[in-house]
Amino acid sequence: MPLIQVKTSITQPESTVIESLLTTLSTKLAKHLGKPESYVMTSFDSDIKMTFAGSFDPVCYLEIKSVGSMSPSQTKAMSEEFCQVIEDKLGVDKNRTYIEFADAKGSMWGWNGRTF
């Protein structure tokens, strides 16, 4: 049910870096949302042509979706923590990372042949 997608302009790092990033984000997302990690999905795309502020310097975009509503305090805490994780693991400056948070209605999220 929770999903975090990472899209970045950097060259694809070694698989161990990607795996470490995705498992870290998965654990942290579950904790922030108070949901079981067994429902969390993560994805990573690199080598995407992207600009930010008119520059091709390294940039990152995260998309976080979850069934239910995320409070402003939750999104603030996630923004702080996830921007730091991206900077630490991928080397993309925090000020070159955007995060989009999206709440989803249970009826608009499918899994296992049903919806939530």
N, C-alpha and C. Protein backbone atom coordinates (compact mmCIF):
# COMPACT_ATOMS: atom_id res chain seq x y z
N MET A 1 0.83 -1.18 0.00
CA MET A 1 0.00 0.00 0.00
C MET A 1 0.86 1.24 0.00
N PRO A 2 1.84 1.43 0.89
CA PRO A 2 2.74 2.56 0.68
C PRO A 2 3.73 2.26 -0.45
N LEU A 3 4.02 3.29 -1.21
CA LEU A 3 4.95 3.18 -2.33
C LEU A 3 5.90 4.36 -2.30
N ILE A 4 7.18 4.08 -2.51
CA ILE A 4 8.15 5.16 -2.68
C ILE A 4 8.96 4.88 -3.95
N GLN A 5 8.90 5.83 -4.87
CA GLN A 5 9.63 5.72 -6.14
C GLN A 5 10.74 6.76 -6.14
N VAL A 6 11.92 6.34 -6.55
CA VAL A 6 13.07 7.24 -6.65
C VAL A 6 13.45 7.36 -8.11
N LYS A 7 13.51 8.59 -8.59
CA LYS A 7 13.94 8.86 -9.96
C LYS A 7 15.07 9.87 -9.87
N THR A 8 16.18 9.58 -10.55
CA THR A 8 17.35 10.44 -10.44
C THR A 8 18.11 10.53 -11.75
N SER A 9 18.85 11.60 -11.87
CA SER A 9 19.66 11.82 -13.07
C SER A 9 21.04 11.19 -12.96
N ILE A 10 21.42 10.73 -11.77
CA ILE A 10 22.77 10.19 -11.62
C ILE A 10 22.92 8.87 -12.38
N THR A 11 24.16 8.56 -12.71
CA THR A 11 24.47 7.28 -13.34
C THR A 11 24.15 6.16 -12.34
N GLN A 12 23.64 5.06 -12.85
CA GLN A 12 23.23 3.97 -11.96
C GLN A 12 24.39 3.53 -11.07
N PRO A 13 24.18 3.59 -9.75
CA PRO A 13 25.21 3.12 -8.83
C PRO A 13 25.25 1.59 -8.80
N GLU A 14 26.22 1.07 -8.08
CA GLU A 14 26.32 -0.39 -7.93
C GLU A 14 25.04 -0.92 -7.29
N SER A 15 24.74 -2.18 -7.58
CA SER A 15 23.50 -2.77 -7.09
C SER A 15 23.43 -2.78 -5.57
N THR A 16 24.57 -2.91 -4.90
CA THR A 16 24.55 -2.91 -3.43
C THR A 16 24.10 -1.55 -2.89
N VAL A 17 24.45 -0.47 -3.58
CA VAL A 17 24.02 0.87 -3.16
C VAL A 17 22.51 1.01 -3.34
N ILE A 18 22.01 0.53 -4.48
CA ILE A 18 20.57 0.61 -4.75
C ILE A 18 19.80 -0.23 -3.73
N GLU A 19 20.26 -1.44 -3.49
CA GLU A 19 19.58 -2.31 -2.54
C GLU A 19 19.57 -1.70 -1.14
N SER A 20 20.69 -1.13 -0.73
CA SER A 20 20.76 -0.49 0.58
C SER A 20 19.82 0.70 0.66
N LEU A 21 19.77 1.50 -0.40
CA LEU A 21 18.87 2.65 -0.44
C LEU A 21 17.42 2.20 -0.32
N LEU A 22 17.03 1.23 -1.14
CA LEU A 22 15.63 0.81 -1.17
C LEU A 22 15.19 0.14 0.13
N THR A 23 16.05 -0.67 0.73
CA THR A 23 15.67 -1.31 2.00
C THR A 23 15.60 -0.27 3.12
N THR A 24 16.49 0.72 3.10
CA THR A 24 16.44 1.79 4.08
C THR A 24 15.15 2.59 3.95
N LEU A 25 14.82 2.98 2.72
CA LEU A 25 13.59 3.74 2.49
C LEU A 25 12.35 2.93 2.87
N SER A 26 12.36 1.65 2.58
CA SER A 26 11.22 0.79 2.90
C SER A 26 10.97 0.75 4.40
N THR A 27 12.02 0.51 5.16
CA THR A 27 11.91 0.45 6.62
C THR A 27 11.44 1.78 7.19
N LYS A 28 12.04 2.87 6.72
CA LYS A 28 11.71 4.20 7.24
C LYS A 28 10.28 4.62 6.85
N LEU A 29 9.85 4.29 5.64
CA LEU A 29 8.50 4.65 5.21
C LEU A 29 7.46 3.92 6.07
N ALA A 30 7.68 2.63 6.29
CA ALA A 30 6.76 1.87 7.14
C ALA A 30 6.67 2.48 8.54
N LYS A 31 7.82 2.86 9.08
CA LYS A 31 7.84 3.45 10.43
C LYS A 31 7.11 4.79 10.45
N HIS A 32 7.39 5.65 9.49
CA HIS A 32 6.74 6.96 9.46
C HIS A 32 5.22 6.85 9.33
N LEU A 33 4.76 5.88 8.54
CA LEU A 33 3.32 5.75 8.30
C LEU A 33 2.62 4.82 9.29
N GLY A 34 3.40 4.10 10.09
CA GLY A 34 2.81 3.17 11.04
C GLY A 34 2.12 2.00 10.36
N LYS A 35 2.68 1.59 9.22
CA LYS A 35 2.10 0.47 8.47
C LYS A 35 3.13 -0.65 8.38
N PRO A 36 2.66 -1.90 8.20
CA PRO A 36 3.59 -3.01 8.11
C PRO A 36 4.50 -2.88 6.88
N GLU A 37 5.77 -3.16 7.06
CA GLU A 37 6.69 -3.09 5.93
C GLU A 37 6.35 -4.13 4.87
N SER A 38 5.63 -5.17 5.25
CA SER A 38 5.25 -6.20 4.28
C SER A 38 4.37 -5.65 3.16
N TYR A 39 3.81 -4.44 3.32
CA TYR A 39 3.00 -3.81 2.29
C TYR A 39 3.75 -2.74 1.49
N VAL A 40 4.96 -2.39 1.91
CA VAL A 40 5.70 -1.30 1.28
C VAL A 40 6.38 -1.76 -0.01
N MET A 41 6.26 -0.95 -1.05
CA MET A 41 6.94 -1.21 -2.32
C MET A 41 7.88 -0.04 -2.60
N THR A 42 9.06 -0.36 -3.14
CA THR A 42 10.03 0.67 -3.51
C THR A 42 10.48 0.44 -4.95
N SER A 43 10.90 1.51 -5.60
CA SER A 43 11.48 1.37 -6.95
C SER A 43 12.55 2.43 -7.15
N PHE A 44 13.45 2.16 -8.10
CA PHE A 44 14.57 3.06 -8.36
C PHE A 44 14.83 3.13 -9.86
N ASP A 45 14.88 4.36 -10.38
CA ASP A 45 15.23 4.60 -11.78
C ASP A 45 16.35 5.64 -11.81
N SER A 46 17.40 5.34 -12.57
CA SER A 46 18.52 6.28 -12.69
C SER A 46 18.74 6.62 -14.16
N ASP A 47 19.72 7.47 -14.39
CA ASP A 47 20.10 7.88 -15.75
C ASP A 47 18.95 8.59 -16.48
N ILE A 48 18.09 9.26 -15.73
CA ILE A 48 16.98 9.98 -16.34
C ILE A 48 17.44 11.41 -16.64
N LYS A 49 17.18 11.87 -17.84
CA LYS A 49 17.52 13.24 -18.19
C LYS A 49 16.60 14.17 -17.43
N MET A 50 17.17 14.94 -16.51
CA MET A 50 16.39 15.83 -15.66
C MET A 50 17.14 17.14 -15.47
N THR A 51 16.38 18.21 -15.30
CA THR A 51 16.97 19.49 -14.91
C THR A 51 16.29 19.97 -13.65
N PHE A 52 16.98 20.82 -12.94
CA PHE A 52 16.42 21.52 -11.79
C PHE A 52 17.09 22.88 -11.75
N ALA A 53 16.31 23.93 -11.68
CA ALA A 53 16.83 25.30 -11.68
C ALA A 53 17.67 25.55 -12.93
N GLY A 54 17.27 24.93 -14.04
CA GLY A 54 17.96 25.14 -15.30
C GLY A 54 19.30 24.45 -15.42
N SER A 55 19.60 23.54 -14.49
CA SER A 55 20.90 22.87 -14.46
C SER A 55 20.74 21.36 -14.58
N PHE A 56 21.73 20.74 -15.21
CA PHE A 56 21.76 19.29 -15.31
C PHE A 56 22.57 18.65 -14.19
N ASP A 57 22.94 19.42 -13.16
CA ASP A 57 23.63 18.85 -12.00
C ASP A 57 22.75 17.75 -11.42
N PRO A 58 23.34 16.81 -10.66
CA PRO A 58 22.55 15.70 -10.11
C PRO A 58 21.28 16.17 -9.41
N VAL A 59 20.20 15.47 -9.69
CA VAL A 59 18.89 15.81 -9.16
C VAL A 59 18.13 14.52 -8.84
N CYS A 60 17.17 14.63 -7.93
CA CYS A 60 16.39 13.45 -7.55
C CYS A 60 14.94 13.85 -7.29
N TYR A 61 14.03 12.96 -7.66
CA TYR A 61 12.60 13.15 -7.44
C TYR A 61 12.07 11.89 -6.76
N LEU A 62 11.39 12.06 -5.64
CA LEU A 62 10.77 10.95 -4.94
C LEU A 62 9.26 11.13 -4.98
N GLU A 63 8.57 10.04 -5.16
CA GLU A 63 7.11 10.04 -5.13
C GLU A 63 6.69 9.06 -4.05
N ILE A 64 5.91 9.55 -3.10
CA ILE A 64 5.45 8.72 -1.99
C ILE A 64 3.93 8.70 -2.01
N LYS A 65 3.38 7.50 -2.10
CA LYS A 65 1.92 7.33 -2.11
C LYS A 65 1.54 6.36 -1.00
N SER A 66 0.37 6.61 -0.42
CA SER A 66 -0.12 5.72 0.62
C SER A 66 -1.63 5.82 0.71
N VAL A 67 -2.26 4.71 1.06
CA VAL A 67 -3.70 4.71 1.30
C VAL A 67 -3.93 5.36 2.65
N GLY A 68 -4.85 6.30 2.67
CA GLY A 68 -5.13 7.05 3.88
C GLY A 68 -4.55 8.44 3.75
N SER A 69 -4.46 9.14 4.86
CA SER A 69 -3.95 10.50 4.78
C SER A 69 -2.66 10.65 5.58
N MET A 70 -1.75 11.42 5.00
CA MET A 70 -0.50 11.74 5.67
C MET A 70 -0.65 13.15 6.23
N SER A 71 -0.28 13.31 7.47
CA SER A 71 -0.41 14.62 8.12
C SER A 71 0.77 15.51 7.74
N PRO A 72 0.61 16.82 7.88
CA PRO A 72 1.72 17.73 7.61
C PRO A 72 2.96 17.42 8.46
N SER A 73 2.77 17.00 9.69
CA SER A 73 3.94 16.67 10.51
C SER A 73 4.64 15.41 9.99
N GLN A 74 3.87 14.45 9.48
CA GLN A 74 4.48 13.25 8.89
C GLN A 74 5.26 13.60 7.63
N THR A 75 4.66 14.39 6.74
CA THR A 75 5.35 14.71 5.49
C THR A 75 6.59 15.56 5.75
N LYS A 76 6.53 16.44 6.72
CA LYS A 76 7.71 17.24 7.07
C LYS A 76 8.84 16.34 7.56
N ALA A 77 8.51 15.41 8.47
CA ALA A 77 9.52 14.49 9.01
C ALA A 77 10.08 13.59 7.91
N MET A 78 9.22 13.12 7.02
CA MET A 78 9.69 12.27 5.93
C MET A 78 10.58 13.06 4.98
N SER A 79 10.20 14.29 4.68
CA SER A 79 11.01 15.12 3.78
C SER A 79 12.41 15.30 4.36
N GLU A 80 12.49 15.64 5.63
CA GLU A 80 13.79 15.82 6.27
C GLU A 80 14.63 14.55 6.19
N GLU A 81 14.03 13.43 6.57
CA GLU A 81 14.78 12.19 6.65
C GLU A 81 15.13 11.63 5.27
N PHE A 82 14.18 11.63 4.35
CA PHE A 82 14.43 11.03 3.04
C PHE A 82 15.40 11.87 2.21
N CYS A 83 15.34 13.19 2.32
CA CYS A 83 16.33 14.03 1.62
C CYS A 83 17.73 13.74 2.12
N GLN A 84 17.86 13.53 3.43
CA GLN A 84 19.17 13.19 3.99
C GLN A 84 19.64 11.82 3.51
N VAL A 85 18.75 10.85 3.46
CA VAL A 85 19.11 9.51 2.97
C VAL A 85 19.59 9.59 1.52
N ILE A 86 18.88 10.34 0.69
CA ILE A 86 19.28 10.49 -0.71
C ILE A 86 20.66 11.14 -0.82
N GLU A 87 20.89 12.16 -0.02
CA GLU A 87 22.19 12.82 -0.05
C GLU A 87 23.30 11.87 0.41
N ASP A 88 23.04 11.12 1.49
CA ASP A 88 24.04 10.19 2.02
C ASP A 88 24.34 9.03 1.08
N LYS A 89 23.28 8.46 0.50
CA LYS A 89 23.46 7.24 -0.30
C LYS A 89 23.78 7.51 -1.76
N LEU A 90 23.23 8.61 -2.33
CA LEU A 90 23.41 8.88 -3.75
C LEU A 90 24.27 10.11 -4.04
N GLY A 91 24.49 10.93 -3.02
CA GLY A 91 25.30 12.12 -3.22
C GLY A 91 24.56 13.27 -3.88
N VAL A 92 23.24 13.21 -3.94
CA VAL A 92 22.45 14.31 -4.51
C VAL A 92 22.13 15.28 -3.37
N ASP A 93 22.50 16.54 -3.55
CA ASP A 93 22.27 17.55 -2.53
C ASP A 93 20.79 17.62 -2.16
N LYS A 94 20.52 17.84 -0.87
CA LYS A 94 19.13 17.94 -0.39
C LYS A 94 18.36 19.04 -1.12
N ASN A 95 19.05 20.11 -1.49
CA ASN A 95 18.35 21.21 -2.15
C ASN A 95 18.12 20.94 -3.64
N ARG A 96 18.44 19.72 -4.09
CA ARG A 96 18.16 19.32 -5.47
C ARG A 96 17.27 18.07 -5.49
N THR A 97 16.51 17.90 -4.42
CA THR A 97 15.59 16.76 -4.31
C THR A 97 14.18 17.29 -4.04
N TYR A 98 13.25 16.87 -4.87
CA TYR A 98 11.82 17.14 -4.66
C TYR A 98 11.16 15.85 -4.22
N ILE A 99 10.15 15.99 -3.35
CA ILE A 99 9.34 14.85 -2.92
C ILE A 99 7.88 15.22 -3.11
N GLU A 100 7.16 14.35 -3.78
CA GLU A 100 5.71 14.51 -3.92
C GLU A 100 5.02 13.48 -3.04
N PHE A 101 4.15 13.95 -2.16
CA PHE A 101 3.37 13.07 -1.29
C PHE A 101 1.95 13.01 -1.83
N ALA A 102 1.40 11.80 -1.93
CA ALA A 102 0.05 11.65 -2.45
C ALA A 102 -0.73 10.64 -1.62
N ASP A 103 -1.88 11.09 -1.11
CA ASP A 103 -2.80 10.20 -0.40
C ASP A 103 -3.69 9.52 -1.44
N ALA A 104 -3.98 8.26 -1.22
CA ALA A 104 -4.85 7.53 -2.13
C ALA A 104 -6.05 6.98 -1.38
N LYS A 105 -7.20 7.00 -2.02
CA LYS A 105 -8.38 6.35 -1.47
C LYS A 105 -8.18 4.84 -1.60
N GLY A 106 -8.66 4.11 -0.63
CA GLY A 106 -8.53 2.65 -0.66
C GLY A 106 -9.13 2.03 -1.91
N SER A 107 -10.21 2.62 -2.40
CA SER A 107 -10.86 2.07 -3.59
C SER A 107 -10.06 2.33 -4.87
N MET A 108 -9.04 3.19 -4.78
CA MET A 108 -8.22 3.52 -5.94
C MET A 108 -6.86 2.83 -5.89
N TRP A 109 -6.70 1.85 -5.01
CA TRP A 109 -5.42 1.15 -4.84
C TRP A 109 -5.71 -0.34 -4.83
N GLY A 110 -5.22 -1.05 -5.84
CA GLY A 110 -5.49 -2.47 -5.95
C GLY A 110 -4.33 -3.34 -5.47
N TRP A 111 -4.67 -4.51 -4.98
CA TRP A 111 -3.67 -5.50 -4.54
C TRP A 111 -4.36 -6.84 -4.39
N ASN A 112 -3.71 -7.86 -4.87
CA ASN A 112 -4.18 -9.22 -4.65
C ASN A 112 -5.59 -9.46 -5.18
N GLY A 113 -5.90 -8.80 -6.30
CA GLY A 113 -7.21 -8.99 -6.92
C GLY A 113 -8.34 -8.21 -6.25
N ARG A 114 -7.98 -7.36 -5.30
CA ARG A 114 -9.00 -6.57 -4.58
C ARG A 114 -8.52 -5.12 -4.51
N THR A 115 -9.27 -4.31 -3.82
CA THR A 115 -8.82 -2.95 -3.49
C THR A 115 -8.85 -2.80 -1.98
N PHE A 116 -8.17 -1.78 -1.51
CA PHE A 116 -8.16 -1.53 -0.07
C PHE A 116 -9.39 -0.75 0.35
